[in-house]
Amino acid sequence: MATEDKMKQAQRKRGQISSEELGAYVEFEAEHLIEMLNNDNPQERTIAATILGNRRDEKGILPLCDSLKKEKALYSRITMSEALGKMGKTAVPPLIKLLGQIGNNQEKELPEKYFKKKSFPLARDMAARTIVKIGKPATPYLIEVMEKQDDYISQQAVDALGGIAAKTCDKSALPVLINGLDSNNEITLWKIIRSLSGFKHSFEALPPLLNILEKDYDAAIIWESARTLGQISINRQDVVDALCKLEKNDHPEIKKAAKNALINLENL
């Protein structure tokens, strides 16, 4: 079998479909499509999720959430997320309940390397990524989660708040995130710092981030603060001075983050 054919076969096993395959199912009732979400064939699950999402049929919200939680096929999982993202505010409460409930490789330690973009969304991130698709209507729900607890669930809420801010310029969560920088949980602190990178041109975030750079934190927290200062995109002298100082740091990841942040500021 040719390499291209093998690749197509692998993609189909992961639930990939073509737009032409939807035609035979577009007239199906919602109940039938919901049953298809449990079909052994991942393509059937992808088709059902696609049509329910295109219809914005709210009857599909809870079944899609249940399926998203257990789905293993990559393309089926992505399609379920997209479908729920189209449902709007009504889908937020059940998605909130999925935070921290998908996947089993939750982040328990700080990273050893500077930020690296992933090609495909990890299962553990799917609830937060889906909520980001809904956008600003989800912000109050996420703030409530963040204020109630300090664990992996709240950390995923933090991720989603940063994503929504980057996507919609909604800054209503900024005060809560800045207050959260007092957390004694290093993972939570690191997550909040990364989330703040979505709040472009937010002067309020600069003082606490600059203050972090002056303290004895783990290297990951320092380089994440440097990266976020670059992403916030305010070319202020105290920010530039702090980053120039970090560029001389002995830690290669801190040095890299500072350099990239300075380049970003220079290109504004």
Protein backbone atom coordinates (compact mmCIF):
# COMPACT_ATOMS: atom_id res chain seq x y z
CA MET A 1 0.00 0.00 0.00
CA ALA A 2 1.33 3.46 -0.95
CA THR A 3 2.36 5.83 1.81
CA GLU A 4 -0.40 8.30 0.88
CA ASP A 5 -3.03 5.57 1.05
CA LYS A 6 -1.74 4.43 4.44
CA MET A 7 -1.97 7.99 5.70
CA LYS A 8 -5.56 8.36 4.50
CA GLN A 9 -6.48 5.04 6.07
CA ALA A 10 -4.96 6.13 9.39
CA GLN A 11 -6.83 9.43 9.28
CA ARG A 12 -10.12 7.68 8.65
CA LYS A 13 -9.50 5.38 11.60
CA ARG A 14 -9.16 8.54 13.67
CA GLY A 15 -12.54 9.74 12.45
CA GLN A 16 -11.71 12.01 9.53
CA ILE A 17 -14.50 12.45 7.00
CA SER A 18 -15.08 14.32 3.74
CA SER A 19 -17.84 16.89 3.35
CA GLU A 20 -19.51 14.66 0.75
CA GLU A 21 -20.13 11.99 3.39
CA LEU A 22 -22.52 14.24 5.31
CA GLY A 23 -25.16 14.26 2.59
CA ALA A 24 -26.68 10.89 3.48
CA TYR A 25 -27.25 11.98 7.09
CA VAL A 26 -28.37 15.62 6.98
CA GLU A 27 -32.07 14.73 7.26
CA PHE A 28 -31.60 12.46 10.28
CA GLU A 29 -33.52 13.36 13.43
CA ALA A 30 -31.53 14.61 16.41
CA GLU A 31 -32.26 11.42 18.34
CA HIS A 32 -30.72 9.30 15.61
CA LEU A 33 -27.63 11.53 15.43
CA ILE A 34 -27.26 11.34 19.21
CA GLU A 35 -27.32 7.54 18.99
CA MET A 36 -24.62 7.74 16.33
CA LEU A 37 -22.30 9.44 18.85
CA ASN A 38 -21.95 6.00 20.46
CA ASN A 39 -21.32 4.15 17.19
CA ASP A 40 -18.21 1.96 17.05
CA ASN A 41 -17.21 3.66 13.80
CA PRO A 42 -15.39 6.95 14.56
CA GLN A 43 -16.48 8.42 11.22
CA GLU A 44 -20.12 7.95 12.20
CA ARG A 45 -19.38 9.81 15.43
CA THR A 46 -17.71 12.62 13.50
CA ILE A 47 -20.66 12.88 11.11
CA ALA A 48 -23.17 13.04 13.97
CA ALA A 49 -21.18 15.71 15.82
CA THR A 50 -20.76 17.77 12.66
CA ILE A 51 -24.47 17.85 11.86
CA LEU A 52 -25.54 18.53 15.45
CA GLY A 53 -23.08 21.41 15.57
CA ASN A 54 -24.17 22.82 12.23
CA ARG A 55 -27.77 22.75 13.43
CA ARG A 56 -26.83 24.23 16.81
CA ASP A 57 -29.27 21.70 18.21
CA GLU A 58 -29.21 22.13 21.99
CA LYS A 59 -30.55 18.59 22.46
CA GLY A 60 -27.08 17.49 21.47
CA ILE A 61 -25.19 19.44 24.16
CA LEU A 62 -25.19 16.87 26.97
CA PRO A 63 -24.63 13.87 24.67
CA LEU A 64 -21.76 15.71 22.97
CA CYS A 65 -20.22 16.51 26.37
CA ASP A 66 -20.50 12.87 27.41
CA SER A 67 -18.91 11.79 24.14
CA LEU A 68 -16.15 14.39 24.32
CA LYS A 69 -15.16 13.06 27.73
CA LYS A 70 -14.52 9.52 26.44
CA GLU A 71 -13.68 10.04 22.75
CA LYS A 72 -10.32 8.58 21.66
CA ALA A 73 -10.38 9.28 17.91
CA LEU A 74 -8.61 12.58 17.19
CA TYR A 75 -10.83 13.95 14.44
CA SER A 76 -14.03 12.87 16.18
CA ARG A 77 -12.87 14.63 19.36
CA ILE A 78 -12.00 17.83 17.51
CA THR A 79 -15.37 17.81 15.73
CA MET A 80 -17.26 17.34 19.01
CA SER A 81 -15.39 20.31 20.43
CA GLU A 82 -16.25 22.43 17.40
CA ALA A 83 -19.90 21.39 17.62
CA LEU A 84 -20.14 22.38 21.27
CA GLY A 85 -18.38 25.65 20.52
CA LYS A 86 -21.21 26.51 18.11
CA MET A 87 -23.85 25.93 20.80
CA GLY A 88 -23.02 29.12 22.68
CA LYS A 89 -23.68 30.04 26.30
CA THR A 90 -26.07 27.13 26.96
CA ALA A 91 -23.17 24.71 26.57
CA VAL A 92 -20.95 26.46 29.13
CA PRO A 93 -22.24 24.91 32.42
CA PRO A 94 -21.88 21.28 31.25
CA LEU A 95 -18.47 22.09 29.77
CA ILE A 96 -17.38 23.66 33.05
CA LYS A 97 -18.09 20.28 34.67
CA LEU A 98 -15.64 18.67 32.22
CA LEU A 99 -12.69 20.81 33.30
CA GLY A 100 -10.06 18.48 34.72
CA GLN A 101 -12.14 15.42 33.81
CA ILE A 102 -10.72 14.56 30.37
CA GLY A 103 -7.45 12.70 29.90
CA ASN A 104 -5.05 11.43 32.53
CA ASN A 105 -1.85 13.37 31.88
CA GLN A 106 -2.60 16.52 33.83
CA GLU A 107 0.28 18.88 34.46
CA LYS A 108 1.71 18.21 37.91
CA GLU A 109 5.15 19.75 37.52
CA LEU A 110 6.53 22.92 36.02
CA PRO A 111 7.96 22.54 32.50
CA GLU A 112 11.67 22.13 31.89
CA LYS A 113 11.62 23.87 28.53
CA TYR A 114 10.41 27.20 27.21
CA PHE A 115 6.99 27.36 25.54
CA LYS A 116 6.56 25.10 22.51
CA LYS A 117 3.40 25.06 20.41
CA LYS A 118 1.73 21.65 20.07
CA SER A 119 0.49 20.47 16.69
CA PHE A 120 -2.66 18.79 18.03
CA PRO A 121 -4.78 19.64 21.09
CA LEU A 122 -4.25 17.23 23.96
CA ALA A 123 -7.27 15.45 25.41
CA ARG A 124 -6.72 17.14 28.78
CA ASP A 125 -7.13 20.57 27.14
CA MET A 126 -10.33 19.86 25.21
CA ALA A 127 -12.85 21.24 27.70
CA ALA A 128 -10.95 24.51 28.12
CA ARG A 129 -10.33 24.83 24.37
CA THR A 130 -14.02 24.23 23.68
CA ILE A 131 -15.05 26.89 26.18
CA VAL A 132 -12.68 29.33 24.47
CA LYS A 133 -14.60 28.75 21.23
CA ILE A 134 -17.75 30.01 22.98
CA GLY A 135 -15.87 33.08 24.15
CA LYS A 136 -16.95 35.99 26.33
CA PRO A 137 -20.24 34.47 27.65
CA ALA A 138 -18.13 31.84 29.46
CA THR A 139 -15.96 34.33 31.37
CA PRO A 140 -18.20 34.74 34.49
CA TYR A 141 -18.48 30.96 34.88
CA LEU A 142 -14.70 30.54 34.63
CA ILE A 143 -14.05 33.31 37.14
CA GLU A 144 -16.38 31.57 39.60
CA VAL A 145 -14.45 28.31 39.20
CA MET A 146 -11.13 30.05 39.68
CA GLU A 147 -12.26 31.85 42.82
CA LYS A 148 -13.73 28.74 44.42
CA GLN A 149 -10.75 26.38 44.24
CA ASP A 150 -7.02 26.13 43.60
CA ASP A 151 -6.42 22.85 41.81
CA TYR A 152 -6.24 21.37 38.34
CA ILE A 153 -9.84 22.34 37.56
CA SER A 154 -9.23 25.98 38.39
CA GLN A 155 -5.96 25.85 36.44
CA GLN A 156 -7.86 24.82 33.34
CA ALA A 157 -10.30 27.66 33.96
CA VAL A 158 -7.28 29.98 34.00
CA ASP A 159 -6.15 28.57 30.64
CA ALA A 160 -9.58 29.25 29.17
CA LEU A 161 -9.68 32.82 30.52
CA GLY A 162 -6.39 33.59 28.79
CA GLY A 163 -7.62 32.04 25.56
CA ILE A 164 -10.85 34.05 25.63
CA ALA A 165 -8.96 37.28 26.30
CA ALA A 166 -6.63 36.62 23.37
CA LYS A 167 -9.54 35.78 21.08
CA THR A 168 -12.08 38.44 22.07
CA CYS A 169 -10.11 41.16 23.94
CA ASP A 170 -12.40 40.56 26.93
CA LYS A 171 -10.43 41.88 29.92
CA SER A 172 -13.07 41.37 32.62
CA ALA A 173 -11.06 38.54 34.22
CA LEU A 174 -7.87 40.61 34.54
CA PRO A 175 -8.35 41.72 38.21
CA VAL A 176 -9.09 38.14 39.31
CA LEU A 177 -6.02 36.78 37.53
CA ILE A 178 -3.76 39.48 38.97
CA ASN A 179 -5.05 38.68 42.48
CA GLY A 180 -4.32 35.02 41.76
CA LEU A 181 -0.62 35.78 41.38
CA ASP A 182 -0.48 35.49 45.19
CA SER A 183 -1.14 31.73 44.90
CA ASN A 184 1.23 29.41 46.74
CA ASN A 185 0.59 26.73 44.12
CA GLU A 186 3.44 26.98 41.59
CA ILE A 187 1.46 25.36 38.79
CA THR A 188 -1.42 27.78 39.34
CA LEU A 189 0.99 30.72 39.40
CA TRP A 190 2.65 29.58 36.18
CA LYS A 191 -0.74 29.09 34.52
CA ILE A 192 -1.91 32.56 35.52
CA ILE A 193 1.27 34.15 34.19
CA ARG A 194 0.79 32.35 30.88
CA SER A 195 -2.89 33.32 30.80
CA LEU A 196 -1.97 36.99 31.20
CA SER A 197 -0.17 36.81 27.87
CA GLY A 198 -3.62 36.98 26.26
CA PHE A 199 -4.35 40.37 27.80
CA LYS A 200 -2.70 42.62 25.22
CA HIS A 201 -1.84 46.20 26.22
CA SER A 202 -2.89 45.67 29.86
CA PHE A 203 -0.76 48.09 31.88
CA GLU A 204 -2.19 46.71 35.13
CA ALA A 205 -0.40 43.39 34.57
CA LEU A 206 3.08 44.89 34.27
CA PRO A 207 3.92 45.71 37.95
CA PRO A 208 3.12 42.23 39.37
CA LEU A 209 4.98 40.52 36.52
CA LEU A 210 8.03 42.74 36.97
CA ASN A 211 7.87 42.02 40.69
CA ILE A 212 7.98 38.27 40.00
CA LEU A 213 11.21 38.73 38.03
CA GLU A 214 12.86 40.15 41.15
CA LYS A 215 12.01 37.14 43.30
CA ASP A 216 13.53 33.70 43.74
CA TYR A 217 11.03 31.64 41.74
CA ASP A 218 11.56 28.49 39.73
CA ALA A 219 13.11 29.17 36.32
CA ALA A 220 9.86 28.23 34.53
CA ILE A 221 7.98 30.98 36.32
CA ILE A 222 10.67 33.52 35.46
CA TRP A 223 10.82 32.65 31.76
CA GLU A 224 7.03 32.52 31.54
CA SER A 225 6.85 36.01 33.05
CA ALA A 226 9.38 37.22 30.48
CA ARG A 227 7.41 35.65 27.65
CA THR A 228 4.17 37.21 28.89
CA LEU A 229 5.75 40.66 29.16
CA GLY A 230 6.63 40.36 25.48
CA GLN A 231 3.15 39.14 24.55
CA ILE A 232 1.38 41.95 26.41
CA SER A 233 3.16 44.22 23.93
CA ILE A 234 3.83 47.37 25.94
CA ASN A 235 7.26 48.74 25.07
CA ARG A 236 7.99 50.54 28.31
CA GLN A 237 11.49 51.28 29.56
CA ASP A 238 11.18 49.38 32.86
CA VAL A 239 9.96 46.33 30.95
CA VAL A 240 12.82 46.55 28.45
CA ASP A 241 15.37 47.00 31.26
CA ALA A 242 14.07 43.96 33.13
CA LEU A 243 14.18 41.82 29.99
CA CYS A 244 17.68 43.01 29.09
CA LYS A 245 18.82 41.95 32.55
CA LEU A 246 17.25 38.52 32.06
CA GLU A 247 18.93 38.16 28.69
CA LYS A 248 22.21 37.88 30.61
CA ASN A 249 20.86 35.13 32.87
CA ASP A 250 22.81 31.85 32.96
CA HIS A 251 19.70 29.75 32.44
CA PRO A 252 19.32 29.09 28.67
CA GLU A 253 15.51 28.99 28.73
CA ILE A 254 15.25 32.27 30.64
CA LYS A 255 17.72 33.84 28.24
CA LYS A 256 15.72 32.58 25.25
CA ALA A 257 12.41 33.87 26.62
CA ALA A 258 13.89 37.30 27.38
CA LYS A 259 15.43 37.55 23.92
CA ASN A 260 12.18 36.60 22.20
CA ALA A 261 10.22 39.06 24.33
CA LEU A 262 12.60 41.89 23.43
CA ILE A 263 12.32 41.04 19.74
CA ASN A 264 8.54 41.15 20.06
CA LEU A 265 8.65 44.59 21.71
CA GLU A 266 11.10 45.93 19.14
CA ASN A 267 8.74 44.90 16.34
CA LEU A 268 5.72 46.76 17.69
